[in-house]
Amino acid sequence: MHQRRKAREVALQVLYELDVQMIGLGEAIELFWANFEASEEARKFSSLLIEGAWNNREQIDSLISDSSENWTIARMSRVDKSILRMAVYELLFCRDIPPKVTLNEAIDLGKVYGSENSGAFINGILDALYGRLRNKDENQDNHSLTGCPEP
């Protein structure tokens, strides 16, 4: 599990960079790995999270906006927004990861890298969003759990 925590930290950093700078996805990932080391497992999982969250950010941002009261995506800190994007990607597409793990990891990242209120802010949005997703899943016939898509 330590490798997945490391991968999430890497994904947060690269997603933040993508939100701040006007560079391409591949370039951002390459730039990060040119300067930092990690295991192959962490590299693969972080790439999956980065590419998935970034490539699906329109859908993800819409879900985040719908679950946040009085906060637009534009008003959110870039750190919080990056953590939320990554966590929502996991909730939507990585059905083999228990939602509780995803939520706890996102809240912990917010506490470490965000402001003093980030953990509670992230918790509130993800809790509301996960409740809506869970209700939607319960109303659908398809309950198959699949793993994260390949990067």
N, C-alpha and C. Protein backbone atom coordinates (compact mmCIF):
# COMPACT_ATOMS: atom_id res chain seq x y z
N MET A 1 0.81 -1.21 0.00
CA MET A 1 0.00 0.00 0.00
C MET A 1 0.85 1.26 0.00
N HIS A 2 2.05 1.14 0.55
CA HIS A 2 2.94 2.30 0.56
C HIS A 2 3.20 2.83 -0.85
N GLN A 3 3.28 1.92 -1.82
CA GLN A 3 3.54 2.34 -3.20
C GLN A 3 2.36 3.13 -3.77
N ARG A 4 1.16 2.75 -3.39
CA ARG A 4 -0.01 3.50 -3.87
C ARG A 4 -0.07 4.88 -3.24
N ARG A 5 0.33 5.01 -1.99
CA ARG A 5 0.37 6.33 -1.35
C ARG A 5 1.37 7.21 -2.09
N LYS A 6 2.54 6.66 -2.38
CA LYS A 6 3.56 7.39 -3.13
C LYS A 6 3.02 7.79 -4.51
N ALA A 7 2.33 6.87 -5.16
CA ALA A 7 1.77 7.15 -6.49
C ALA A 7 0.75 8.28 -6.43
N ARG A 8 -0.05 8.30 -5.38
CA ARG A 8 -1.04 9.38 -5.24
C ARG A 8 -0.35 10.73 -5.01
N GLU A 9 0.74 10.73 -4.26
CA GLU A 9 1.50 11.96 -4.04
C GLU A 9 2.09 12.47 -5.36
N VAL A 10 2.61 11.56 -6.15
CA VAL A 10 3.15 11.92 -7.47
C VAL A 10 2.03 12.47 -8.34
N ALA A 11 0.89 11.76 -8.38
CA ALA A 11 -0.23 12.21 -9.20
C ALA A 11 -0.68 13.61 -8.78
N LEU A 12 -0.75 13.86 -7.50
CA LEU A 12 -1.12 15.19 -7.01
C LEU A 12 -0.17 16.24 -7.55
N GLN A 13 1.13 15.98 -7.49
CA GLN A 13 2.11 16.95 -7.94
C GLN A 13 1.99 17.22 -9.44
N VAL A 14 1.81 16.18 -10.23
CA VAL A 14 1.73 16.35 -11.68
C VAL A 14 0.40 17.01 -12.07
N LEU A 15 -0.70 16.61 -11.42
CA LEU A 15 -1.99 17.24 -11.71
C LEU A 15 -1.95 18.73 -11.35
N TYR A 16 -1.29 19.05 -10.26
CA TYR A 16 -1.13 20.46 -9.87
C TYR A 16 -0.34 21.20 -10.95
N GLU A 17 0.76 20.59 -11.39
CA GLU A 17 1.58 21.21 -12.43
C GLU A 17 0.77 21.44 -13.71
N LEU A 18 -0.02 20.47 -14.09
CA LEU A 18 -0.85 20.61 -15.30
C LEU A 18 -1.85 21.74 -15.15
N ASP A 19 -2.35 21.94 -13.94
CA ASP A 19 -3.33 23.00 -13.69
C ASP A 19 -2.68 24.38 -13.70
N VAL A 20 -1.39 24.44 -13.37
CA VAL A 20 -0.69 25.72 -13.26
C VAL A 20 -0.02 26.11 -14.58
N GLN A 21 0.64 25.16 -15.20
CA GLN A 21 1.41 25.45 -16.41
C GLN A 21 0.65 24.99 -17.66
N MET A 22 0.96 25.59 -18.73
CA MET A 22 0.35 25.20 -20.00
C MET A 22 1.28 24.25 -20.74
N ILE A 23 1.38 23.02 -20.22
CA ILE A 23 2.18 22.00 -20.90
C ILE A 23 1.31 20.78 -21.12
N GLY A 24 1.77 19.93 -22.00
CA GLY A 24 1.00 18.73 -22.32
C GLY A 24 1.11 17.67 -21.25
N LEU A 25 0.18 16.76 -21.26
CA LEU A 25 0.12 15.69 -20.29
C LEU A 25 1.39 14.84 -20.31
N GLY A 26 1.77 14.38 -21.47
CA GLY A 26 2.98 13.56 -21.59
C GLY A 26 4.22 14.29 -21.14
N GLU A 27 4.31 15.55 -21.51
CA GLU A 27 5.47 16.36 -21.12
C GLU A 27 5.55 16.52 -19.60
N ALA A 28 4.42 16.74 -18.96
CA ALA A 28 4.39 16.91 -17.50
C ALA A 28 4.85 15.64 -16.80
N ILE A 29 4.37 14.49 -17.27
CA ILE A 29 4.77 13.22 -16.67
C ILE A 29 6.25 12.97 -16.89
N GLU A 30 6.73 13.19 -18.10
CA GLU A 30 8.15 12.99 -18.40
C GLU A 30 9.03 13.92 -17.57
N LEU A 31 8.62 15.16 -17.43
CA LEU A 31 9.37 16.13 -16.65
C LEU A 31 9.50 15.67 -15.19
N PHE A 32 8.41 15.17 -14.64
CA PHE A 32 8.45 14.70 -13.26
C PHE A 32 9.43 13.54 -13.13
N TRP A 33 9.30 12.53 -13.99
CA TRP A 33 10.15 11.35 -13.87
C TRP A 33 11.61 11.62 -14.24
N ALA A 34 11.87 12.68 -14.95
CA ALA A 34 13.26 13.05 -15.24
C ALA A 34 13.96 13.55 -13.97
N ASN A 35 13.17 13.96 -12.98
CA ASN A 35 13.76 14.54 -11.77
C ASN A 35 13.53 13.74 -10.49
N PHE A 36 12.67 12.72 -10.53
CA PHE A 36 12.34 11.96 -9.33
C PHE A 36 12.32 10.47 -9.62
N GLU A 37 12.54 9.68 -8.59
CA GLU A 37 12.56 8.22 -8.69
C GLU A 37 11.38 7.62 -7.93
N ALA A 38 10.92 6.49 -8.40
CA ALA A 38 9.91 5.71 -7.68
C ALA A 38 9.90 4.30 -8.27
N SER A 39 9.27 3.40 -7.56
CA SER A 39 9.18 2.02 -8.04
C SER A 39 8.32 1.96 -9.30
N GLU A 40 8.46 0.86 -10.02
CA GLU A 40 7.66 0.67 -11.24
C GLU A 40 6.17 0.64 -10.91
N GLU A 41 5.82 0.04 -9.77
CA GLU A 41 4.41 -0.02 -9.35
C GLU A 41 3.86 1.39 -9.11
N ALA A 42 4.64 2.23 -8.43
CA ALA A 42 4.20 3.61 -8.17
C ALA A 42 4.11 4.39 -9.47
N ARG A 43 5.05 4.18 -10.36
CA ARG A 43 5.01 4.87 -11.65
C ARG A 43 3.75 4.52 -12.45
N LYS A 44 3.43 3.24 -12.52
CA LYS A 44 2.26 2.80 -13.28
C LYS A 44 0.97 3.35 -12.68
N PHE A 45 0.82 3.23 -11.36
CA PHE A 45 -0.41 3.68 -10.73
C PHE A 45 -0.54 5.19 -10.81
N SER A 46 0.57 5.91 -10.63
CA SER A 46 0.49 7.37 -10.72
C SER A 46 0.14 7.79 -12.14
N SER A 47 0.70 7.15 -13.14
CA SER A 47 0.37 7.48 -14.53
C SER A 47 -1.11 7.22 -14.82
N LEU A 48 -1.62 6.13 -14.31
CA LEU A 48 -3.04 5.82 -14.47
C LEU A 48 -3.89 6.94 -13.87
N LEU A 49 -3.57 7.36 -12.64
CA LEU A 49 -4.34 8.41 -11.98
C LEU A 49 -4.21 9.75 -12.70
N ILE A 50 -3.01 10.09 -13.09
CA ILE A 50 -2.77 11.37 -13.77
C ILE A 50 -3.54 11.42 -15.09
N GLU A 51 -3.30 10.42 -15.93
CA GLU A 51 -3.93 10.40 -17.25
C GLU A 51 -5.45 10.30 -17.13
N GLY A 52 -5.92 9.46 -16.23
CA GLY A 52 -7.36 9.29 -16.07
C GLY A 52 -8.04 10.55 -15.55
N ALA A 53 -7.47 11.14 -14.51
CA ALA A 53 -8.06 12.35 -13.93
C ALA A 53 -8.01 13.51 -14.92
N TRP A 54 -6.88 13.66 -15.60
CA TRP A 54 -6.73 14.79 -16.52
C TRP A 54 -7.61 14.62 -17.76
N ASN A 55 -7.63 13.43 -18.32
CA ASN A 55 -8.40 13.20 -19.55
C ASN A 55 -9.92 13.20 -19.31
N ASN A 56 -10.33 12.98 -18.08
CA ASN A 56 -11.75 12.96 -17.74
C ASN A 56 -12.14 14.16 -16.88
N ARG A 57 -11.32 15.20 -16.87
CA ARG A 57 -11.54 16.31 -15.93
C ARG A 57 -12.84 17.07 -16.17
N GLU A 58 -13.33 17.11 -17.40
CA GLU A 58 -14.59 17.80 -17.64
C GLU A 58 -15.74 17.11 -16.89
N GLN A 59 -15.83 15.80 -17.05
CA GLN A 59 -16.85 15.02 -16.34
C GLN A 59 -16.62 15.09 -14.83
N ILE A 60 -15.37 14.94 -14.41
CA ILE A 60 -15.03 14.96 -12.99
C ILE A 60 -15.33 16.32 -12.37
N ASP A 61 -14.93 17.38 -13.04
CA ASP A 61 -15.19 18.73 -12.52
C ASP A 61 -16.68 19.00 -12.39
N SER A 62 -17.46 18.48 -13.31
CA SER A 62 -18.91 18.65 -13.23
C SER A 62 -19.46 17.95 -11.99
N LEU A 63 -18.99 16.75 -11.72
CA LEU A 63 -19.43 16.02 -10.53
C LEU A 63 -19.00 16.72 -9.25
N ILE A 64 -17.77 17.25 -9.25
CA ILE A 64 -17.28 17.98 -8.07
C ILE A 64 -18.14 19.22 -7.85
N SER A 65 -18.40 19.96 -8.91
CA SER A 65 -19.22 21.18 -8.80
C SER A 65 -20.62 20.86 -8.28
N ASP A 66 -21.19 19.78 -8.78
CA ASP A 66 -22.54 19.39 -8.34
C ASP A 66 -22.58 18.97 -6.88
N SER A 67 -21.43 18.58 -6.33
CA SER A 67 -21.37 18.10 -4.95
C SER A 67 -20.85 19.14 -3.97
N SER A 68 -20.51 20.30 -4.45
CA SER A 68 -19.96 21.33 -3.57
C SER A 68 -20.93 22.51 -3.48
N GLU A 69 -21.29 22.83 -2.27
CA GLU A 69 -22.18 23.97 -2.07
C GLU A 69 -21.35 25.24 -1.95
N ASN A 70 -21.75 26.25 -2.68
CA ASN A 70 -21.12 27.58 -2.61
C ASN A 70 -19.67 27.61 -3.08
N TRP A 71 -19.20 26.57 -3.75
CA TRP A 71 -17.83 26.56 -4.27
C TRP A 71 -17.85 26.14 -5.72
N THR A 72 -17.31 26.98 -6.57
CA THR A 72 -17.12 26.58 -7.96
C THR A 72 -15.71 26.01 -8.08
N ILE A 73 -15.48 25.29 -9.12
CA ILE A 73 -14.14 24.74 -9.37
C ILE A 73 -13.11 25.87 -9.41
N ALA A 74 -13.46 26.99 -10.00
CA ALA A 74 -12.53 28.12 -10.13
C ALA A 74 -12.12 28.69 -8.77
N ARG A 75 -12.98 28.58 -7.78
CA ARG A 75 -12.68 29.12 -6.45
C ARG A 75 -11.86 28.18 -5.59
N MET A 76 -11.77 26.92 -5.97
CA MET A 76 -11.05 25.93 -5.16
C MET A 76 -9.55 26.10 -5.33
N SER A 77 -8.81 25.81 -4.26
CA SER A 77 -7.35 25.85 -4.39
C SER A 77 -6.92 24.77 -5.38
N ARG A 78 -5.82 24.99 -6.04
CA ARG A 78 -5.35 24.02 -7.03
C ARG A 78 -4.97 22.70 -6.39
N VAL A 79 -4.47 22.75 -5.17
CA VAL A 79 -4.12 21.51 -4.47
C VAL A 79 -5.39 20.71 -4.20
N ASP A 80 -6.39 21.35 -3.61
CA ASP A 80 -7.65 20.66 -3.31
C ASP A 80 -8.29 20.13 -4.58
N LYS A 81 -8.30 20.93 -5.62
CA LYS A 81 -8.90 20.53 -6.89
C LYS A 81 -8.17 19.31 -7.47
N SER A 82 -6.86 19.29 -7.39
CA SER A 82 -6.08 18.16 -7.91
C SER A 82 -6.37 16.89 -7.12
N ILE A 83 -6.46 17.02 -5.81
CA ILE A 83 -6.77 15.85 -4.97
C ILE A 83 -8.17 15.35 -5.28
N LEU A 84 -9.12 16.27 -5.39
CA LEU A 84 -10.49 15.87 -5.69
C LEU A 84 -10.59 15.19 -7.05
N ARG A 85 -9.92 15.72 -8.05
CA ARG A 85 -9.96 15.11 -9.39
C ARG A 85 -9.44 13.67 -9.34
N MET A 86 -8.34 13.49 -8.65
CA MET A 86 -7.75 12.16 -8.56
C MET A 86 -8.69 11.21 -7.82
N ALA A 87 -9.25 11.65 -6.71
CA ALA A 87 -10.14 10.80 -5.92
C ALA A 87 -11.42 10.46 -6.69
N VAL A 88 -11.98 11.44 -7.38
CA VAL A 88 -13.20 11.18 -8.14
C VAL A 88 -12.90 10.21 -9.28
N TYR A 89 -11.74 10.35 -9.90
CA TYR A 89 -11.36 9.38 -10.93
C TYR A 89 -11.34 7.97 -10.34
N GLU A 90 -10.73 7.82 -9.18
CA GLU A 90 -10.68 6.50 -8.53
C GLU A 90 -12.09 5.98 -8.25
N LEU A 91 -12.96 6.84 -7.72
CA LEU A 91 -14.33 6.41 -7.40
C LEU A 91 -15.09 5.97 -8.65
N LEU A 92 -14.87 6.67 -9.75
CA LEU A 92 -15.61 6.37 -10.98
C LEU A 92 -15.05 5.17 -11.75
N PHE A 93 -13.75 5.07 -11.82
CA PHE A 93 -13.13 4.13 -12.75
C PHE A 93 -12.33 3.00 -12.11
N CYS A 94 -11.98 3.12 -10.86
CA CYS A 94 -11.15 2.10 -10.19
C CYS A 94 -12.00 1.36 -9.16
N ARG A 95 -12.92 0.57 -9.67
CA ARG A 95 -13.91 -0.07 -8.81
C ARG A 95 -13.30 -1.14 -7.92
N ASP A 96 -12.06 -1.54 -8.17
CA ASP A 96 -11.41 -2.52 -7.30
C ASP A 96 -10.82 -1.88 -6.05
N ILE A 97 -10.77 -0.56 -5.99
CA ILE A 97 -10.25 0.14 -4.81
C ILE A 97 -11.45 0.49 -3.94
N PRO A 98 -11.46 0.02 -2.69
CA PRO A 98 -12.60 0.35 -1.82
C PRO A 98 -12.77 1.86 -1.68
N PRO A 99 -14.00 2.36 -1.85
CA PRO A 99 -14.23 3.80 -1.75
C PRO A 99 -13.70 4.41 -0.45
N LYS A 100 -13.79 3.67 0.64
CA LYS A 100 -13.30 4.18 1.92
C LYS A 100 -11.79 4.47 1.85
N VAL A 101 -11.06 3.62 1.15
CA VAL A 101 -9.62 3.84 0.97
C VAL A 101 -9.38 5.10 0.16
N THR A 102 -10.10 5.26 -0.93
CA THR A 102 -9.97 6.44 -1.78
C THR A 102 -10.25 7.71 -0.98
N LEU A 103 -11.35 7.71 -0.23
CA LEU A 103 -11.71 8.89 0.56
C LEU A 103 -10.66 9.19 1.63
N ASN A 104 -10.22 8.17 2.35
CA ASN A 104 -9.21 8.38 3.39
C ASN A 104 -7.90 8.89 2.82
N GLU A 105 -7.48 8.33 1.70
CA GLU A 105 -6.23 8.78 1.08
C GLU A 105 -6.33 10.24 0.64
N ALA A 106 -7.46 10.61 0.04
CA ALA A 106 -7.64 11.98 -0.42
C ALA A 106 -7.65 12.95 0.76
N ILE A 107 -8.34 12.60 1.82
CA ILE A 107 -8.40 13.46 3.01
C ILE A 107 -7.01 13.61 3.61
N ASP A 108 -6.26 12.51 3.70
CA ASP A 108 -4.90 12.57 4.24
C ASP A 108 -4.00 13.46 3.38
N LEU A 109 -4.11 13.34 2.06
CA LEU A 109 -3.31 14.19 1.18
C LEU A 109 -3.68 15.66 1.38
N GLY A 110 -4.96 15.94 1.56
CA GLY A 110 -5.40 17.31 1.82
C GLY A 110 -4.81 17.86 3.10
N LYS A 111 -4.75 17.04 4.13
CA LYS A 111 -4.20 17.47 5.41
C LYS A 111 -2.70 17.75 5.31
N VAL A 112 -2.01 16.97 4.50
CA VAL A 112 -0.56 17.13 4.36
C VAL A 112 -0.19 18.26 3.41
N TYR A 113 -0.85 18.33 2.26
CA TYR A 113 -0.43 19.26 1.22
C TYR A 113 -1.31 20.49 1.07
N GLY A 114 -2.50 20.46 1.63
CA GLY A 114 -3.42 21.58 1.48
C GLY A 114 -3.36 22.54 2.66
N SER A 115 -4.40 23.34 2.78
CA SER A 115 -4.50 24.29 3.89
C SER A 115 -5.01 23.56 5.13
N GLU A 116 -5.14 24.30 6.22
CA GLU A 116 -5.60 23.65 7.45
C GLU A 116 -7.04 23.15 7.34
N ASN A 117 -7.81 23.68 6.41
CA ASN A 117 -9.20 23.25 6.21
C ASN A 117 -9.39 22.27 5.06
N SER A 118 -8.32 21.93 4.37
CA SER A 118 -8.45 21.09 3.17
C SER A 118 -9.02 19.71 3.47
N GLY A 119 -8.58 19.09 4.54
CA GLY A 119 -9.07 17.75 4.87
C GLY A 119 -10.58 17.73 5.01
N ALA A 120 -11.12 18.68 5.78
CA ALA A 120 -12.57 18.75 5.99
C ALA A 120 -13.29 19.12 4.69
N PHE A 121 -12.73 20.04 3.92
CA PHE A 121 -13.33 20.46 2.66
C PHE A 121 -13.42 19.28 1.69
N ILE A 122 -12.32 18.56 1.53
CA ILE A 122 -12.27 17.40 0.63
C ILE A 122 -13.23 16.32 1.13
N ASN A 123 -13.25 16.09 2.44
CA ASN A 123 -14.14 15.10 3.02
C ASN A 123 -15.60 15.43 2.71
N GLY A 124 -15.99 16.68 2.88
CA GLY A 124 -17.37 17.08 2.63
C GLY A 124 -17.80 16.85 1.20
N ILE A 125 -16.96 17.25 0.27
CA ILE A 125 -17.30 17.09 -1.16
C ILE A 125 -17.33 15.62 -1.56
N LEU A 126 -16.30 14.87 -1.16
CA LEU A 126 -16.26 13.46 -1.55
C LEU A 126 -17.36 12.65 -0.89
N ASP A 127 -17.69 12.97 0.35
CA ASP A 127 -18.77 12.26 1.04
C ASP A 127 -20.09 12.47 0.31
N ALA A 128 -20.39 13.72 -0.07
CA ALA A 128 -21.62 14.02 -0.80
C ALA A 128 -21.62 13.34 -2.17
N LEU A 129 -20.51 13.42 -2.87
CA LEU A 129 -20.42 12.83 -4.20
C LEU A 129 -20.53 11.31 -4.14
N TYR A 130 -19.83 10.70 -3.18
CA TYR A 130 -19.88 9.23 -3.07
C TYR A 130 -21.30 8.77 -2.72
N GLY A 131 -22.00 9.50 -1.89
CA GLY A 131 -23.38 9.17 -1.57
C GLY A 131 -24.25 9.15 -2.82
N ARG A 132 -24.07 10.13 -3.66
CA ARG A 132 -24.84 10.19 -4.92
C ARG A 132 -24.46 9.04 -5.85
N LEU A 133 -23.16 8.75 -5.96
CA LEU A 133 -22.71 7.65 -6.82
C LEU A 133 -23.22 6.31 -6.32
N ARG A 134 -23.19 6.12 -5.02
CA ARG A 134 -23.65 4.86 -4.42
C ARG A 134 -25.15 4.66 -4.69
N ASN A 135 -25.92 5.73 -4.53
CA ASN A 135 -27.36 5.64 -4.81
C ASN A 135 -27.62 5.32 -6.28
N LYS A 136 -26.83 5.91 -7.15
CA LYS A 136 -26.96 5.65 -8.59
C LYS A 136 -26.64 4.19 -8.89
N ASP A 137 -25.57 3.67 -8.30
CA ASP A 137 -25.18 2.27 -8.51
C ASP A 137 -26.25 1.31 -8.01
N GLU A 138 -26.86 1.63 -6.89
CA GLU A 138 -27.90 0.76 -6.33
C GLU A 138 -29.14 0.71 -7.21
N ASN A 139 -29.35 1.75 -7.99
CA ASN A 139 -30.52 1.80 -8.86
C ASN A 139 -30.27 1.20 -10.24
N GLN A 140 -29.03 0.79 -10.49
CA GLN A 140 -28.70 0.20 -11.79
C GLN A 140 -28.57 -1.31 -11.64
N ASP A 141 -28.79 -2.02 -12.72
CA ASP A 141 -28.69 -3.48 -12.70
C ASP A 141 -27.25 -3.96 -12.73
N ASN A 142 -26.34 -3.18 -13.29
CA ASN A 142 -24.96 -3.59 -13.47
C ASN A 142 -24.15 -3.31 -12.20
N HIS A 143 -23.80 -4.37 -11.48
CA HIS A 143 -23.04 -4.22 -10.24
C HIS A 143 -21.65 -4.82 -10.35
N SER A 144 -21.18 -5.06 -11.55
CA SER A 144 -19.88 -5.69 -11.71
C SER A 144 -18.77 -4.76 -11.27
N LEU A 145 -17.81 -5.33 -10.56
CA LEU A 145 -16.65 -4.56 -10.13
C LEU A 145 -15.51 -4.88 -11.08
N THR A 146 -14.91 -3.85 -11.60
CA THR A 146 -13.77 -4.04 -12.48
C THR A 146 -12.62 -3.22 -11.93
N GLY A 147 -11.43 -3.59 -12.30
CA GLY A 147 -10.26 -2.87 -11.84
C GLY A 147 -10.06 -1.59 -12.62
N CYS A 148 -9.06 -0.84 -12.20
CA CYS A 148 -8.71 0.39 -12.90
C CYS A 148 -8.36 0.05 -14.33
N PRO A 149 -8.71 0.90 -15.27
CA PRO A 149 -8.30 0.66 -16.66
C PRO A 149 -6.79 0.73 -16.78
N GLU A 150 -6.27 0.06 -17.76
CA GLU A 150 -4.83 0.10 -18.01
C GLU A 150 -4.43 1.48 -18.51
N PRO A 151 -3.27 1.98 -18.06
CA PRO A 151 -2.82 3.31 -18.53
C PRO A 151 -2.43 3.28 -20.00
